[in-house]
Amino acid sequence: MSQEEYLILKKRQKEKIDMEAAKKVYKNKFDPSTVAEEIDTDTLEQTWMKDGNWGPNWAKVEFVS
């Protein structure tokens, strides 16, 4: 194996390791069990879950009886 082939092989191995690390970070970020680590749930609850104001703020939906 020549020096050039060796360097190409090392570069590919490093790219593979970097890609696997990036995948692991991505999967951890979007894993539903890690939501509490990514978002402060107390602040979220205070902001969005107010008594008498059920529903998302981005869609003003009114239920008329």
C-alpha atoms as a PDB file:
ATOM      1  CA  MET A   1       0.000   0.000   0.000  1.00  0.00           C
ATOM      2  CA  SER A   2       1.412   3.333  -1.014  1.00  0.00           C
ATOM      3  CA  GLN A   3       1.550   6.416   1.169  1.00  0.00           C
ATOM      4  CA  GLU A   4      -1.185   8.053  -0.918  1.00  0.00           C
ATOM      5  CA  GLU A   5      -3.534   5.072  -0.535  1.00  0.00           C
ATOM      6  CA  TYR A   6      -2.837   4.987   3.192  1.00  0.00           C
ATOM      7  CA  LEU A   7      -3.752   8.670   3.566  1.00  0.00           C
ATOM      8  CA  ILE A   8      -6.962   8.197   1.561  1.00  0.00           C
ATOM      9  CA  LEU A   9      -7.912   5.221   3.753  1.00  0.00           C
ATOM     10  CA  LYS A  10      -7.248   7.201   6.953  1.00  0.00           C
ATOM     11  CA  LYS A  11      -9.291  10.125   5.633  1.00  0.00           C
ATOM     12  CA  ARG A  12     -12.253   7.833   4.864  1.00  0.00           C
ATOM     13  CA  GLN A  13     -12.055   6.243   8.310  1.00  0.00           C
ATOM     14  CA  LYS A  14     -12.043   9.674   9.963  1.00  0.00           C
ATOM     15  CA  GLU A  15     -15.041  10.783   7.863  1.00  0.00           C
ATOM     16  CA  LYS A  16     -16.909   7.625   8.864  1.00  0.00           C
ATOM     17  CA  ILE A  17     -16.208   8.202  12.562  1.00  0.00           C
ATOM     18  CA  ASP A  18     -17.271  11.859  12.289  1.00  0.00           C
ATOM     19  CA  MET A  19     -20.488  10.865  10.489  1.00  0.00           C
ATOM     20  CA  GLU A  20     -21.340   8.289  13.155  1.00  0.00           C
ATOM     21  CA  ALA A  21     -20.773  10.873  15.891  1.00  0.00           C
ATOM     22  CA  ALA A  22     -23.034  13.358  14.089  1.00  0.00           C
ATOM     23  CA  LYS A  23     -25.737  10.698  13.714  1.00  0.00           C
ATOM     24  CA  LYS A  24     -25.546   9.913  17.418  1.00  0.00           C
ATOM     25  CA  VAL A  25     -25.984  13.586  18.338  1.00  0.00           C
ATOM     26  CA  TYR A  26     -28.902  13.916  15.895  1.00  0.00           C
ATOM     27  CA  LYS A  27     -30.645  10.802  17.198  1.00  0.00           C
ATOM     28  CA  ASN A  28     -30.218  11.944  20.787  1.00  0.00           C
ATOM     29  CA  LYS A  29     -31.631  15.370  19.981  1.00  0.00           C
ATOM     30  CA  PHE A  30     -34.778  13.965  18.385  1.00  0.00           C
ATOM     31  CA  ASP A  31     -35.320  11.054  20.764  1.00  0.00           C
ATOM     32  CA  PRO A  32     -38.641  11.604  22.587  1.00  0.00           C
ATOM     33  CA  SER A  33     -37.137  10.364  25.851  1.00  0.00           C
ATOM     34  CA  THR A  34     -34.626  13.261  25.871  1.00  0.00           C
ATOM     35  CA  VAL A  35     -37.163  16.084  25.550  1.00  0.00           C
ATOM     36  CA  ALA A  36     -36.693  17.148  29.172  1.00  0.00           C
ATOM     37  CA  GLU A  37     -32.958  17.560  28.562  1.00  0.00           C
ATOM     38  CA  GLU A  38     -33.441  19.658  25.409  1.00  0.00           C
ATOM     39  CA  ILE A  39     -36.362  21.851  26.548  1.00  0.00           C
ATOM     40  CA  ASP A  40     -37.108  23.377  29.929  1.00  0.00           C
ATOM     41  CA  THR A  41     -40.504  21.762  30.510  1.00  0.00           C
ATOM     42  CA  ASP A  42     -41.438  24.085  33.395  1.00  0.00           C
ATOM     43  CA  THR A  43     -41.069  27.183  31.217  1.00  0.00           C
ATOM     44  CA  LEU A  44     -42.883  25.438  28.382  1.00  0.00           C
ATOM     45  CA  GLU A  45     -45.796  24.602  30.651  1.00  0.00           C
ATOM     46  CA  GLN A  46     -46.037  28.165  31.965  1.00  0.00           C
ATOM     47  CA  THR A  47     -45.928  29.605  28.445  1.00  0.00           C
ATOM     48  CA  TRP A  48     -48.341  27.295  26.631  1.00  0.00           C
ATOM     49  CA  MET A  49     -50.590  25.582  29.186  1.00  0.00           C
ATOM     50  CA  LYS A  50     -52.588  28.388  30.740  1.00  0.00           C
ATOM     51  CA  ASP A  51     -55.973  27.731  32.349  1.00  0.00           C
ATOM     52  CA  GLY A  52     -58.831  28.705  30.065  1.00  0.00           C
ATOM     53  CA  ASN A  53     -56.599  29.025  27.012  1.00  0.00           C
ATOM     54  CA  TRP A  54     -56.594  25.513  25.641  1.00  0.00           C
ATOM     55  CA  GLY A  55     -55.033  25.078  22.228  1.00  0.00           C
ATOM     56  CA  PRO A  56     -51.996  26.192  20.331  1.00  0.00           C
ATOM     57  CA  ASN A  57     -51.268  29.891  19.903  1.00  0.00           C
ATOM     58  CA  TRP A  58     -50.481  29.453  16.210  1.00  0.00           C
ATOM     59  CA  ALA A  59     -54.077  28.380  15.458  1.00  0.00           C
ATOM     60  CA  LYS A  60     -56.787  30.432  17.087  1.00  0.00           C
ATOM     61  CA  VAL A  61     -59.541  27.842  17.375  1.00  0.00           C
ATOM     62  CA  GLU A  62     -62.768  28.639  19.196  1.00  0.00           C
ATOM     63  CA  PHE A  63     -65.289  26.044  20.259  1.00  0.00           C
ATOM     64  CA  VAL A  64     -68.780  27.488  20.191  1.00  0.00           C
ATOM     65  CA  SER A  65     -71.552  25.516  21.833  1.00  0.00           C
END
